Amino acid sequence: MAEPQSTPDVSARRRLRIAQAEADLAYFQARLALIGEPKTLNQYAQQCAFRILYKAVGLKLSNLSDKSA
């Protein structure tokens, strides 16, 4: 299947998706830093969830970066 032509609008949307993914990564990284060593089950659950989300968004960002290169 052929790649759609890169128009300014498509490029702008791709840059926006990359910026959003980078912001999400920063948020998850900050939340993990704030939790530190979990002292409660709730903090442990949050830590697990944020680690999973951090990895998932990292993969998404990697894929978006690969497509834009």
PDB file of N, CA and C in Angstrom:
ATOM      1  N   MET A   1       0.833  -1.157   0.000  1.00  0.00           N
ATOM      2  CA  MET A   1       0.000   0.000   0.000  1.00  0.00           C
ATOM      3  C   MET A   1       0.892   1.239   0.000  1.00  0.00           C
ATOM      4  N   ALA A   2       0.589   2.201  -0.812  1.00  0.00           N
ATOM      5  CA  ALA A   2       1.414   3.393  -0.955  1.00  0.00           C
ATOM      6  C   ALA A   2       1.219   4.321   0.243  1.00  0.00           C
ATOM      7  N   GLU A   3       2.306   4.982   0.629  1.00  0.00           N
ATOM      8  CA  GLU A   3       2.254   5.970   1.691  1.00  0.00           C
ATOM      9  C   GLU A   3       1.502   7.203   1.204  1.00  0.00           C
ATOM     10  N   PRO A   4       0.663   7.792   2.038  1.00  0.00           N
ATOM     11  CA  PRO A   4      -0.005   9.027   1.629  1.00  0.00           C
ATOM     12  C   PRO A   4       1.021  10.143   1.466  1.00  0.00           C
ATOM     13  N   GLN A   5       0.723  11.043   0.568  1.00  0.00           N
ATOM     14  CA  GLN A   5       1.654  12.137   0.332  1.00  0.00           C
ATOM     15  C   GLN A   5       1.761  12.991   1.586  1.00  0.00           C
ATOM     16  N   SER A   6       2.954  13.479   1.827  1.00  0.00           N
ATOM     17  CA  SER A   6       3.202  14.309   2.986  1.00  0.00           C
ATOM     18  C   SER A   6       2.848  15.757   2.662  1.00  0.00           C
ATOM     19  N   THR A   7       1.746  16.183   3.193  1.00  0.00           N
ATOM     20  CA  THR A   7       1.328  17.564   3.019  1.00  0.00           C
ATOM     21  C   THR A   7       1.688  18.332   4.286  1.00  0.00           C
ATOM     22  N   PRO A   8       1.657  19.652   4.222  1.00  0.00           N
ATOM     23  CA  PRO A   8       1.954  20.416   5.443  1.00  0.00           C
ATOM     24  C   PRO A   8       1.017  20.058   6.599  1.00  0.00           C
ATOM     25  N   ASP A   9      -0.250  19.773   6.279  1.00  0.00           N
ATOM     26  CA  ASP A   9      -1.210  19.421   7.307  1.00  0.00           C
ATOM     27  C   ASP A   9      -0.868  18.076   7.946  1.00  0.00           C
ATOM     28  N   VAL A  10      -0.492  17.104   7.139  1.00  0.00           N
ATOM     29  CA  VAL A  10      -0.123  15.781   7.648  1.00  0.00           C
ATOM     30  C   VAL A  10       1.150  15.899   8.488  1.00  0.00           C
ATOM     31  N   SER A  11       2.103  16.663   8.028  1.00  0.00           N
ATOM     32  CA  SER A  11       3.352  16.850   8.774  1.00  0.00           C
ATOM     33  C   SER A  11       3.096  17.540  10.110  1.00  0.00           C
ATOM     34  N   ALA A  12       2.216  18.515  10.109  1.00  0.00           N
ATOM     35  CA  ALA A  12       1.892  19.225  11.347  1.00  0.00           C
ATOM     36  C   ALA A  12       1.213  18.290  12.346  1.00  0.00           C
ATOM     37  N   ARG A  13       0.312  17.450  11.863  1.00  0.00           N
ATOM     38  CA  ARG A  13      -0.353  16.494  12.754  1.00  0.00           C
ATOM     39  C   ARG A  13       0.638  15.485  13.312  1.00  0.00           C
ATOM     40  N   ARG A  14       1.589  15.045  12.495  1.00  0.00           N
ATOM     41  CA  ARG A  14       2.605  14.099  12.965  1.00  0.00           C
ATOM     42  C   ARG A  14       3.468  14.755  14.046  1.00  0.00           C
ATOM     43  N   ARG A  15       3.878  15.997  13.824  1.00  0.00           N
ATOM     44  CA  ARG A  15       4.678  16.701  14.837  1.00  0.00           C
ATOM     45  C   ARG A  15       3.885  16.870  16.135  1.00  0.00           C
ATOM     46  N   LEU A  16       2.590  17.136  16.012  1.00  0.00           N
ATOM     47  CA  LEU A  16       1.739  17.281  17.189  1.00  0.00           C
ATOM     48  C   LEU A  16       1.637  15.960  17.952  1.00  0.00           C
ATOM     49  N   ARG A  17       1.471  14.853  17.238  1.00  0.00           N
ATOM     50  CA  ARG A  17       1.396  13.546  17.898  1.00  0.00           C
ATOM     51  C   ARG A  17       2.713  13.232  18.612  1.00  0.00           C
ATOM     52  N   ILE A  18       3.833  13.586  17.997  1.00  0.00           N
ATOM     53  CA  ILE A  18       5.137  13.363  18.625  1.00  0.00           C
ATOM     54  C   ILE A  18       5.263  14.207  19.889  1.00  0.00           C
ATOM     55  N   ALA A  19       4.861  15.475  19.815  1.00  0.00           N
ATOM     56  CA  ALA A  19       4.932  16.360  20.980  1.00  0.00           C
ATOM     57  C   ALA A  19       4.021  15.854  22.099  1.00  0.00           C
ATOM     58  N   GLN A  20       2.837  15.365  21.745  1.00  0.00           N
ATOM     59  CA  GLN A  20       1.926  14.833  22.754  1.00  0.00           C
ATOM     60  C   GLN A  20       2.517  13.596  23.419  1.00  0.00           C
ATOM     61  N   ALA A  21       3.128  12.729  22.647  1.00  0.00           N
ATOM     62  CA  ALA A  21       3.738  11.518  23.203  1.00  0.00           C
ATOM     63  C   ALA A  21       4.907  11.886  24.117  1.00  0.00           C
ATOM     64  N   GLU A  22       5.691  12.884  23.729  1.00  0.00           N
ATOM     65  CA  GLU A  22       6.805  13.326  24.574  1.00  0.00           C
ATOM     66  C   GLU A  22       6.296  13.909  25.883  1.00  0.00           C
ATOM     67  N   ALA A  23       5.200  14.670  25.824  1.00  0.00           N
ATOM     68  CA  ALA A  23       4.609  15.230  27.035  1.00  0.00           C
ATOM     69  C   ALA A  23       4.075  14.117  27.934  1.00  0.00           C
ATOM     70  N   ASP A  24       3.453  13.108  27.345  1.00  0.00           N
ATOM     71  CA  ASP A  24       2.959  11.972  28.123  1.00  0.00           C
ATOM     72  C   ASP A  24       4.114  11.254  28.818  1.00  0.00           C
ATOM     73  N   LEU A  25       5.221  11.053  28.096  1.00  0.00           N
ATOM     74  CA  LEU A  25       6.391  10.403  28.693  1.00  0.00           C
ATOM     75  C   LEU A  25       6.911  11.206  29.884  1.00  0.00           C
ATOM     76  N   ALA A  26       6.978  12.515  29.728  1.00  0.00           N
ATOM     77  CA  ALA A  26       7.466  13.366  30.818  1.00  0.00           C
ATOM     78  C   ALA A  26       6.535  13.267  32.028  1.00  0.00           C
ATOM     79  N   TYR A  27       5.225  13.227  31.776  1.00  0.00           N
ATOM     80  CA  TYR A  27       4.251  13.114  32.861  1.00  0.00           C
ATOM     81  C   TYR A  27       4.439  11.797  33.613  1.00  0.00           C
ATOM     82  N   PHE A  28       4.526  10.693  32.878  1.00  0.00           N
ATOM     83  CA  PHE A  28       4.670   9.398  33.528  1.00  0.00           C
ATOM     84  C   PHE A  28       5.994   9.302  34.283  1.00  0.00           C
ATOM     85  N   GLN A  29       7.034   9.869  33.709  1.00  0.00           N
ATOM     86  CA  GLN A  29       8.339   9.862  34.372  1.00  0.00           C
ATOM     87  C   GLN A  29       8.269  10.660  35.682  1.00  0.00           C
ATOM     88  N   ALA A  30       7.595  11.807  35.646  1.00  0.00           N
ATOM     89  CA  ALA A  30       7.453  12.621  36.861  1.00  0.00           C
ATOM     90  C   ALA A  30       6.633  11.897  37.914  1.00  0.00           C
ATOM     91  N   ARG A  31       5.560  11.254  37.512  1.00  0.00           N
ATOM     92  CA  ARG A  31       4.723  10.511  38.469  1.00  0.00           C
ATOM     93  C   ARG A  31       5.522   9.374  39.109  1.00  0.00           C
ATOM     94  N   LEU A  32       6.322   8.684  38.305  1.00  0.00           N
ATOM     95  CA  LEU A  32       7.149   7.612  38.858  1.00  0.00           C
ATOM     96  C   LEU A  32       8.166   8.164  39.855  1.00  0.00           C
ATOM     97  N   ALA A  33       8.725   9.323  39.550  1.00  0.00           N
ATOM     98  CA  ALA A  33       9.697   9.934  40.458  1.00  0.00           C
ATOM     99  C   ALA A  33       9.020  10.365  41.760  1.00  0.00           C
ATOM    100  N   LEU A  34       7.803  10.888  41.663  1.00  0.00           N
ATOM    101  CA  LEU A  34       7.086  11.312  42.864  1.00  0.00           C
ATOM    102  C   LEU A  34       6.718  10.127  43.759  1.00  0.00           C
ATOM    103  N   ILE A  35       6.371   9.016  43.147  1.00  0.00           N
ATOM    104  CA  ILE A  35       6.010   7.831  43.936  1.00  0.00           C
ATOM    105  C   ILE A  35       7.240   7.292  44.650  1.00  0.00           C
ATOM    106  N   GLY A  36       8.379   7.300  43.952  1.00  0.00           N
ATOM    107  CA  GLY A  36       9.604   6.778  44.553  1.00  0.00           C
ATOM    108  C   GLY A  36       9.439   5.325  44.924  1.00  0.00           C
ATOM    109  N   GLU A  37       9.812   4.995  46.146  1.00  0.00           N
ATOM    110  CA  GLU A  37       9.624   3.635  46.647  1.00  0.00           C
ATOM    111  C   GLU A  37       8.225   3.568  47.248  1.00  0.00           C
ATOM    112  N   PRO A  38       7.347   2.758  46.650  1.00  0.00           N
ATOM    113  CA  PRO A  38       5.959   2.729  47.127  1.00  0.00           C
ATOM    114  C   PRO A  38       5.848   2.240  48.570  1.00  0.00           C
ATOM    115  N   LYS A  39       5.009   2.960  49.338  1.00  0.00           N
ATOM    116  CA  LYS A  39       4.806   2.610  50.741  1.00  0.00           C
ATOM    117  C   LYS A  39       3.439   1.969  50.973  1.00  0.00           C
ATOM    118  N   THR A  40       2.549   2.115  49.994  1.00  0.00           N
ATOM    119  CA  THR A  40       1.213   1.533  50.125  1.00  0.00           C
ATOM    120  C   THR A  40       0.906   0.700  48.879  1.00  0.00           C
ATOM    121  N   LEU A  41      -0.126  -0.120  48.987  1.00  0.00           N
ATOM    122  CA  LEU A  41      -0.540  -0.905  47.830  1.00  0.00           C
ATOM    123  C   LEU A  41      -1.025  -0.003  46.702  1.00  0.00           C
ATOM    124  N   ASN A  42      -1.669   1.108  47.063  1.00  0.00           N
ATOM    125  CA  ASN A  42      -2.134   2.045  46.046  1.00  0.00           C
ATOM    126  C   ASN A  42      -0.955   2.640  45.271  1.00  0.00           C
ATOM    127  N   GLN A  43       0.080   3.033  45.973  1.00  0.00           N
ATOM    128  CA  GLN A  43       1.270   3.570  45.302  1.00  0.00           C
ATOM    129  C   GLN A  43       1.931   2.508  44.438  1.00  0.00           C
ATOM    130  N   TYR A  44       1.958   1.274  44.925  1.00  0.00           N
ATOM    131  CA  TYR A  44       2.535   0.180  44.137  1.00  0.00           C
ATOM    132  C   TYR A  44       1.739  -0.032  42.859  1.00  0.00           C
ATOM    133  N   ALA A  45       0.404  -0.010  42.971  1.00  0.00           N
ATOM    134  CA  ALA A  45      -0.452  -0.173  41.791  1.00  0.00           C
ATOM    135  C   ALA A  45      -0.241   0.978  40.810  1.00  0.00           C
ATOM    136  N   GLN A  46      -0.142   2.203  41.334  1.00  0.00           N
ATOM    137  CA  GLN A  46       0.124   3.359  40.467  1.00  0.00           C
ATOM    138  C   GLN A  46       1.470   3.205  39.772  1.00  0.00           C
ATOM    139  N   GLN A  47       2.474   2.779  40.510  1.00  0.00           N
ATOM    140  CA  GLN A  47       3.808   2.601  39.935  1.00  0.00           C
ATOM    141  C   GLN A  47       3.769   1.583  38.795  1.00  0.00           C
ATOM    142  N   CYS A  48       3.075   0.482  39.020  1.00  0.00           N
ATOM    143  CA  CYS A  48       2.960  -0.545  37.974  1.00  0.00           C
ATOM    144  C   CYS A  48       2.250   0.008  36.748  1.00  0.00           C
ATOM    145  N   ALA A  49       1.155   0.713  36.970  1.00  0.00           N
ATOM    146  CA  ALA A  49       0.387   1.277  35.855  1.00  0.00           C
ATOM    147  C   ALA A  49       1.219   2.307  35.089  1.00  0.00           C
ATOM    148  N   PHE A  50       1.897   3.186  35.796  1.00  0.00           N
ATOM    149  CA  PHE A  50       2.685   4.216  35.113  1.00  0.00           C
ATOM    150  C   PHE A  50       3.884   3.623  34.374  1.00  0.00           C
ATOM    151  N   ARG A  51       4.461   2.554  34.890  1.00  0.00           N
ATOM    152  CA  ARG A  51       5.559   1.893  34.166  1.00  0.00           C
ATOM    153  C   ARG A  51       5.050   1.303  32.848  1.00  0.00           C
ATOM    154  N   ILE A  52       3.894   0.650  32.915  1.00  0.00           N
ATOM    155  CA  ILE A  52       3.310   0.066  31.702  1.00  0.00           C
ATOM    156  C   ILE A  52       2.980   1.160  30.689  1.00  0.00           C
ATOM    157  N   LEU A  53       2.355   2.235  31.162  1.00  0.00           N
ATOM    158  CA  LEU A  53       2.004   3.343  30.269  1.00  0.00           C
ATOM    159  C   LEU A  53       3.255   3.999  29.696  1.00  0.00           C
ATOM    160  N   TYR A  54       4.281   4.154  30.521  1.00  0.00           N
ATOM    161  CA  TYR A  54       5.533   4.763  30.070  1.00  0.00           C
ATOM    162  C   TYR A  54       6.144   3.951  28.930  1.00  0.00           C
ATOM    163  N   LYS A  55       6.147   2.621  29.091  1.00  0.00           N
ATOM    164  CA  LYS A  55       6.694   1.754  28.039  1.00  0.00           C
ATOM    165  C   LYS A  55       5.846   1.821  26.775  1.00  0.00           C
ATOM    166  N   ALA A  56       4.525   1.812  26.933  1.00  0.00           N
ATOM    167  CA  ALA A  56       3.630   1.845  25.777  1.00  0.00           C
ATOM    168  C   ALA A  56       3.766   3.155  25.004  1.00  0.00           C
ATOM    169  N   VAL A  57       3.820   4.261  25.713  1.00  0.00           N
ATOM    170  CA  VAL A  57       3.956   5.554  25.043  1.00  0.00           C
ATOM    171  C   VAL A  57       5.347   5.679  24.425  1.00  0.00           C
ATOM    172  N   GLY A  58       6.347   5.113  25.086  1.00  0.00           N
ATOM    173  CA  GLY A  58       7.695   5.112  24.511  1.00  0.00           C
ATOM    174  C   GLY A  58       7.741   4.372  23.183  1.00  0.00           C
ATOM    175  N   LEU A  59       7.063   3.236  23.114  1.00  0.00           N
ATOM    176  CA  LEU A  59       6.996   2.489  21.853  1.00  0.00           C
ATOM    177  C   LEU A  59       6.248   3.288  20.785  1.00  0.00           C
ATOM    178  N   LYS A  60       5.166   3.934  21.195  1.00  0.00           N
ATOM    179  CA  LYS A  60       4.393   4.767  20.260  1.00  0.00           C
ATOM    180  C   LYS A  60       5.274   5.898  19.723  1.00  0.00           C
ATOM    181  N   LEU A  61       6.008   6.544  20.611  1.00  0.00           N
ATOM    182  CA  LEU A  61       6.895   7.632  20.191  1.00  0.00           C
ATOM    183  C   LEU A  61       7.972   7.115  19.256  1.00  0.00           C
ATOM    184  N   SER A  62       8.515   5.956  19.549  1.00  0.00           N
ATOM    185  CA  SER A  62       9.526   5.355  18.688  1.00  0.00           C
ATOM    186  C   SER A  62       8.955   5.099  17.295  1.00  0.00           C
ATOM    187  N   ASN A  63       7.742   4.562  17.249  1.00  0.00           N
ATOM    188  CA  ASN A  63       7.099   4.293  15.962  1.00  0.00           C
ATOM    189  C   ASN A  63       6.820   5.581  15.194  1.00  0.00           C
ATOM    190  N   LEU A  64       6.364   6.614  15.909  1.00  0.00           N
ATOM    191  CA  LEU A  64       6.087   7.894  15.245  1.00  0.00           C
ATOM    192  C   LEU A  64       7.370   8.505  14.713  1.00  0.00           C
ATOM    193  N   SER A  65       8.444   8.403  15.500  1.00  0.00           N
ATOM    194  CA  SER A  65       9.733   8.955  15.060  1.00  0.00           C
ATOM    195  C   SER A  65      10.274   8.207  13.853  1.00  0.00           C
ATOM    196  N   ASP A  66      10.099   6.877  13.858  1.00  0.00           N
ATOM    197  CA  ASP A  66      10.566   6.080  12.720  1.00  0.00           C
ATOM    198  C   ASP A  66       9.814   6.452  11.434  1.00  0.00           C
ATOM    199  N   LYS A  67       8.525   6.699  11.553  1.00  0.00           N
ATOM    200  CA  LYS A  67       7.715   7.034  10.374  1.00  0.00           C
ATOM    201  C   LYS A  67       8.066   8.412   9.838  1.00  0.00           C
ATOM    202  N   SER A  68       8.457   9.339  10.727  1.00  0.00           N
ATOM    203  CA  SER A  68       8.750  10.692  10.280  1.00  0.00           C
ATOM    204  C   SER A  68      10.152  10.801   9.690  1.00  0.00           C
ATOM    205  N   ALA A  69      10.994   9.812   9.950  1.00  0.00           N
ATOM    206  CA  ALA A  69      12.383   9.856   9.443  1.00  0.00           C
ATOM    207  C   ALA A  69      12.437   9.475   7.981  1.00  0.00           C
TER     208      ALA A  69
END
